[in-house]
Amino acid sequence: MLKKLALGIVCVGLSTVTLHAAAPASDNAGNYADTAAWITGSNGGTGFGAWTITDGNGSHYIGGTGLGARTFGLFNTLTDPQITTEAVRPMTGTLLAGETFSIDLGFTAFSSGSIGVNLRSGTEEVITLFTNGTGDWMLNDGGGNFSAGSVATANTPYTFTFTYNGTNSYSFSLTGGPGGPNFTSSDPLIGSIDNIRLFNFNQGAGQNFGFDNIAIVPEPSSVALLVGPALLGAWFFVRRRRA
C-alpha cells in the first residue's frame, strides 16, 4: 500500500512538472469560437494576460491567413499611414533567464508597409522580428536591423523562438534560417520583457498577417530541478512510515 501511495505521489509530481514544462503560458486560435470571441479583454489559453486590440484602418479576425486555414489574423489598408492594426498580450511577470517565447507566423503579399512581432518592456520595443515582404526577415535588438537568416516568403509558415539567456544575452531561431546562440542585445531592457505586440503596418488592401500557437516554456534544466523534489518527497514519505 505504501509503495502504491509513494508511486502516486511521484506520478502527481511528475505530471505537474510535465504540464509546467510544456506550457506555463500558451494560446492559439482554437481557444476562440470565432472573431467575435477574440476582442480586447478576451483571455483564452493559459498564463497570459488579456488581449488589447487596436484595429487601425483594418481589422482583426480569426480565419484564413498567410499562415493557414484558421489562425489569428491582422490586416491594415493604406488609407492612413499613421495608424497600425495591432494585438498586444501581457505576460505574467517578465521573461526569465532560460525561458523561451515562441510563435508561428505567416503573411500574404505586400503592397507596402511591414508586419512583425515586438517583445517589449512596457511600451519599449526590446526585440523586433519583422518583414516588408521582400528579402529576409529582419531582427532588431536595439542596435539596428540585421538579417534573421531566413527569406521572407508569402504564404509560408514560420516558427520564431526567442530564448532569454540572462544579462544581455539571447538566442533565437526562425524556420528556414540558422538563427543562433548567445547574441548580445543592445537594449538594456532585455531583462524586463513583459509583453508581446503583433502588428500590421499598412500591408495593403486584401492582404493579411497571420499568427498562432503563442507560448512561453521554461528552461529544460528547471524541469529537472522540480522533478528531484517530487521524487525525494516520496522517498522521505516511505522512510518515515516505515520508521
Protein backbone atom coordinates (compact mmCIF):
# COMPACT_ATOMS: atom_id res chain seq x y z
CA MET A 1 0.00 0.00 0.00
CA LEU A 2 2.83 2.38 0.93
CA LYS A 3 4.62 1.66 -2.32
CA LYS A 4 1.47 2.42 -4.30
CA LEU A 5 0.94 5.64 -2.38
CA ALA A 6 4.54 6.71 -2.90
CA LEU A 7 4.25 5.90 -6.59
CA GLY A 8 1.12 8.03 -6.76
CA ILE A 9 2.93 10.95 -5.17
CA VAL A 10 5.76 10.59 -7.67
CA CYS A 11 3.32 10.41 -10.59
CA VAL A 12 1.47 13.51 -9.43
CA GLY A 13 4.76 15.36 -9.06
CA LEU A 14 5.94 14.30 -12.48
CA SER A 15 2.65 15.09 -14.20
CA THR A 16 2.62 18.54 -12.61
CA VAL A 17 6.17 19.17 -13.81
CA THR A 18 5.35 17.92 -17.29
CA LEU A 19 2.44 20.32 -17.63
CA HIS A 20 4.53 23.19 -16.29
CA ALA A 21 7.39 22.40 -18.66
CA ALA A 22 5.15 22.08 -21.71
CA ALA A 23 3.37 25.40 -21.48
CA PRO A 24 3.42 27.76 -18.49
CA ALA A 25 1.85 30.18 -20.99
CA SER A 26 0.11 29.24 -24.23
CA ASP A 27 -2.73 30.26 -26.51
CA ASN A 28 -3.99 29.52 -30.02
CA ALA A 29 -6.90 30.44 -32.26
CA GLY A 30 -8.68 27.21 -31.37
CA ASN A 31 -9.43 28.68 -27.94
CA TYR A 32 -11.80 31.24 -29.54
CA ALA A 33 -15.12 30.27 -31.11
CA ASP A 34 -14.97 33.00 -33.76
CA THR A 35 -13.78 36.54 -34.41
CA ALA A 36 -16.36 37.97 -32.01
CA ALA A 37 -14.72 35.98 -29.19
CA TRP A 38 -11.27 37.43 -29.88
CA ILE A 39 -11.59 41.02 -28.71
CA THR A 40 -9.98 43.46 -26.29
CA GLY A 41 -10.36 41.90 -22.84
CA SER A 42 -10.59 38.29 -24.05
CA ASN A 43 -8.11 35.90 -22.47
CA GLY A 44 -8.01 32.42 -24.00
CA GLY A 45 -5.36 29.85 -23.21
CA THR A 46 -3.32 29.97 -20.01
CA GLY A 47 -0.55 32.06 -18.48
CA PHE A 48 -1.03 35.30 -20.41
CA GLY A 49 -2.96 38.46 -19.57
CA ALA A 50 -5.93 39.73 -21.61
CA TRP A 51 -5.61 40.93 -25.19
CA THR A 52 -5.67 44.62 -26.17
CA ILE A 53 -6.54 45.01 -29.86
CA THR A 54 -6.42 48.18 -31.96
CA ASP A 55 -7.95 47.83 -35.42
CA GLY A 56 -6.35 50.90 -37.03
CA ASN A 57 -7.51 51.17 -40.65
CA GLY A 58 -8.07 47.45 -40.90
CA SER A 59 -9.29 44.79 -38.53
CA HIS A 60 -8.50 41.64 -36.57
CA TYR A 61 -10.14 38.29 -37.19
CA ILE A 62 -9.93 34.52 -36.82
CA GLY A 63 -9.88 32.69 -40.13
CA GLY A 64 -7.72 32.02 -43.17
CA THR A 65 -4.39 33.88 -43.30
CA GLY A 66 -0.97 33.61 -44.88
CA LEU A 67 -0.16 31.17 -42.07
CA GLY A 68 -3.03 28.73 -42.50
CA ALA A 69 -6.74 27.96 -42.61
CA ARG A 70 -7.77 29.16 -39.16
CA THR A 71 -5.40 31.40 -37.22
CA PHE A 72 -5.32 34.87 -35.68
CA GLY A 73 -5.23 37.49 -38.43
CA LEU A 74 -4.50 41.22 -38.76
CA PHE A 75 -4.93 43.40 -41.84
CA ASN A 76 -4.42 47.11 -42.44
CA THR A 77 -5.05 49.16 -45.60
CA LEU A 78 -3.13 52.14 -46.92
CA THR A 79 -5.75 54.82 -46.11
CA ASP A 80 -3.75 56.33 -43.24
CA PRO A 81 -0.03 55.52 -42.79
CA GLN A 82 -0.10 56.69 -39.18
CA ILE A 83 -2.48 54.04 -37.81
CA THR A 84 -1.37 50.44 -37.25
CA THR A 85 -3.52 47.38 -36.59
CA GLU A 86 -2.08 45.64 -33.52
CA ALA A 87 -2.72 42.98 -30.88
CA VAL A 88 -0.92 43.24 -27.52
CA ARG A 89 -0.64 40.48 -24.91
CA PRO A 90 0.97 40.85 -21.46
CA MET A 91 2.98 38.05 -19.92
CA THR A 92 2.64 37.06 -16.29
CA GLY A 93 5.73 38.76 -14.87
CA THR A 94 8.85 39.12 -17.01
CA LEU A 95 10.64 36.64 -19.26
CA LEU A 96 13.18 34.94 -17.00
CA ALA A 97 16.65 33.71 -17.91
CA GLY A 98 16.31 30.34 -19.64
CA GLU A 99 12.69 30.90 -20.70
CA THR A 100 11.71 30.68 -24.37
CA PHE A 101 8.98 32.56 -26.21
CA SER A 102 7.68 31.01 -29.44
CA ILE A 103 5.09 31.87 -32.09
CA ASP A 104 4.03 30.69 -35.56
CA LEU A 105 3.86 33.41 -38.26
CA GLY A 106 2.80 33.79 -41.89
CA PHE A 107 1.74 36.52 -44.30
CA THR A 108 0.29 37.20 -47.74
CA ALA A 109 1.72 39.56 -50.36
CA PHE A 110 2.65 43.20 -49.66
CA SER A 111 1.70 46.48 -51.25
CA SER A 112 3.94 48.31 -48.78
CA GLY A 113 4.44 48.63 -45.04
CA SER A 114 5.59 45.90 -42.66
CA ILE A 115 4.37 43.21 -40.28
CA GLY A 116 6.01 41.59 -37.28
CA VAL A 117 6.23 40.90 -33.57
CA ASN A 118 7.71 43.05 -30.80
CA LEU A 119 8.94 41.69 -27.48
CA ARG A 120 8.50 44.70 -25.23
CA SER A 121 9.15 46.09 -21.78
CA GLY A 122 6.07 48.19 -21.15
CA THR A 123 5.77 50.16 -24.39
CA GLU A 124 9.51 49.96 -25.15
CA GLU A 125 10.35 47.70 -28.11
CA VAL A 126 13.23 45.48 -26.98
CA ILE A 127 13.33 42.79 -29.70
CA THR A 128 11.54 43.10 -33.05
CA LEU A 129 11.19 40.48 -35.80
CA PHE A 130 9.68 41.98 -38.96
CA THR A 131 9.47 41.90 -42.74
CA ASN A 132 8.23 44.11 -45.54
CA GLY A 133 7.73 41.05 -47.73
CA THR A 134 10.98 41.33 -49.68
CA GLY A 135 14.37 39.85 -48.88
CA ASP A 136 14.96 38.32 -45.45
CA TRP A 137 13.10 38.54 -42.21
CA MET A 138 14.86 41.19 -40.14
CA LEU A 139 15.66 41.40 -36.42
CA ASN A 140 16.32 44.47 -34.30
CA ASP A 141 17.66 44.18 -30.74
CA GLY A 142 18.18 47.87 -30.08
CA GLY A 143 21.32 48.28 -32.16
CA GLY A 144 19.95 48.41 -35.70
CA ASN A 145 18.39 45.94 -38.14
CA PHE A 146 20.09 42.73 -39.26
CA SER A 147 19.02 39.63 -41.16
CA ALA A 148 17.35 36.87 -39.17
CA GLY A 149 18.79 34.45 -41.75
CA SER A 150 15.51 33.37 -43.34
CA VAL A 151 13.99 34.57 -46.62
CA ALA A 152 10.54 36.12 -46.12
CA THR A 153 8.15 34.27 -48.47
CA ALA A 154 4.40 34.85 -48.67
CA ASN A 155 2.01 32.04 -47.67
CA THR A 156 4.78 30.15 -45.89
CA PRO A 157 4.60 29.09 -42.22
CA TYR A 158 7.43 30.18 -39.92
CA THR A 159 8.16 29.45 -36.27
CA PHE A 160 10.08 32.07 -34.32
CA THR A 161 11.65 31.20 -30.95
CA PHE A 162 13.43 33.59 -28.65
CA THR A 163 15.32 32.49 -25.53
CA TYR A 164 16.50 34.97 -22.93
CA ASN A 165 19.84 33.71 -21.59
CA GLY A 166 20.32 36.29 -18.83
CA THR A 167 22.10 39.67 -18.62
CA ASN A 168 22.10 40.99 -22.23
CA SER A 169 22.36 37.60 -23.95
CA TYR A 170 19.71 35.89 -26.08
CA SER A 171 19.34 33.13 -28.65
CA PHE A 172 16.78 32.76 -31.42
CA SER A 173 15.67 30.52 -34.24
CA LEU A 174 13.43 31.10 -37.25
CA THR A 175 12.18 28.30 -39.51
CA GLY A 176 14.23 28.25 -42.69
CA GLY A 177 17.21 30.10 -41.19
CA PRO A 178 20.15 29.27 -38.93
CA GLY A 179 19.31 31.58 -36.03
CA GLY A 180 21.99 31.15 -33.43
CA PRO A 181 23.02 31.19 -29.74
CA ASN A 182 24.31 33.89 -27.45
CA PHE A 183 23.67 37.16 -29.26
CA THR A 184 24.23 40.34 -27.26
CA SER A 185 21.31 42.76 -27.11
CA SER A 186 21.98 46.47 -27.40
CA ASP A 187 18.85 47.23 -25.36
CA PRO A 188 19.41 47.14 -21.58
CA LEU A 189 15.70 46.41 -21.06
CA ILE A 190 16.06 42.86 -22.43
CA GLY A 191 15.86 41.56 -18.86
CA SER A 192 12.42 43.09 -18.34
CA ILE A 193 10.43 41.83 -21.35
CA ASP A 194 6.83 41.57 -20.12
CA ASN A 195 4.53 41.71 -23.18
CA ILE A 196 4.26 40.97 -26.89
CA ARG A 197 2.84 43.09 -29.70
CA LEU A 198 1.82 41.76 -33.12
CA PHE A 199 1.47 44.50 -35.73
CA ASN A 200 0.39 45.10 -39.31
CA PHE A 201 1.57 48.47 -40.61
CA ASN A 202 -0.11 49.26 -43.96
CA GLN A 203 0.46 45.87 -45.61
CA GLY A 204 -2.20 46.71 -48.18
CA ALA A 205 -5.82 46.05 -49.15
CA GLY A 206 -6.73 42.37 -49.35
CA GLN A 207 -3.56 41.21 -47.56
CA ASN A 208 -3.06 39.84 -44.05
CA PHE A 209 -0.64 38.81 -41.33
CA GLY A 210 -1.40 35.55 -39.52
CA PHE A 211 -0.02 34.19 -36.25
CA ASP A 212 -0.82 31.34 -33.86
CA ASN A 213 0.46 28.94 -31.18
CA ILE A 214 1.89 31.57 -28.83
CA ALA A 215 3.82 30.04 -25.93
CA ILE A 216 6.37 30.57 -23.18
CA VAL A 217 8.23 27.49 -21.95
CA PRO A 218 10.81 27.16 -19.16
CA GLU A 219 14.42 26.13 -19.38
CA PRO A 220 14.63 22.29 -19.53
CA SER A 221 17.02 22.18 -16.57
CA SER A 222 14.42 23.89 -14.38
CA VAL A 223 12.13 20.93 -15.01
CA ALA A 224 14.77 18.58 -13.63
CA LEU A 225 15.03 20.74 -10.52
CA LEU A 226 11.31 20.28 -9.93
CA VAL A 227 11.33 16.55 -10.65
CA GLY A 228 14.01 15.99 -8.00
CA PRO A 229 11.93 17.33 -5.07
CA ALA A 230 8.93 15.28 -6.20
CA LEU A 231 10.93 12.04 -6.11
CA LEU A 232 12.75 12.99 -2.90
CA GLY A 233 9.50 13.85 -1.15
CA ALA A 234 8.04 10.45 -1.98
CA TRP A 235 11.19 8.68 -0.71
CA PHE A 236 11.09 10.52 2.62
CA PHE A 237 7.37 9.72 2.98
CA VAL A 238 8.03 6.00 2.67
CA ARG A 239 11.03 6.17 5.02
CA ARG A 240 9.02 7.94 7.73
CA ARG A 241 6.11 5.49 7.53
CA ARG A 242 8.49 2.53 7.78
CA ALA A 243 10.21 4.06 10.83
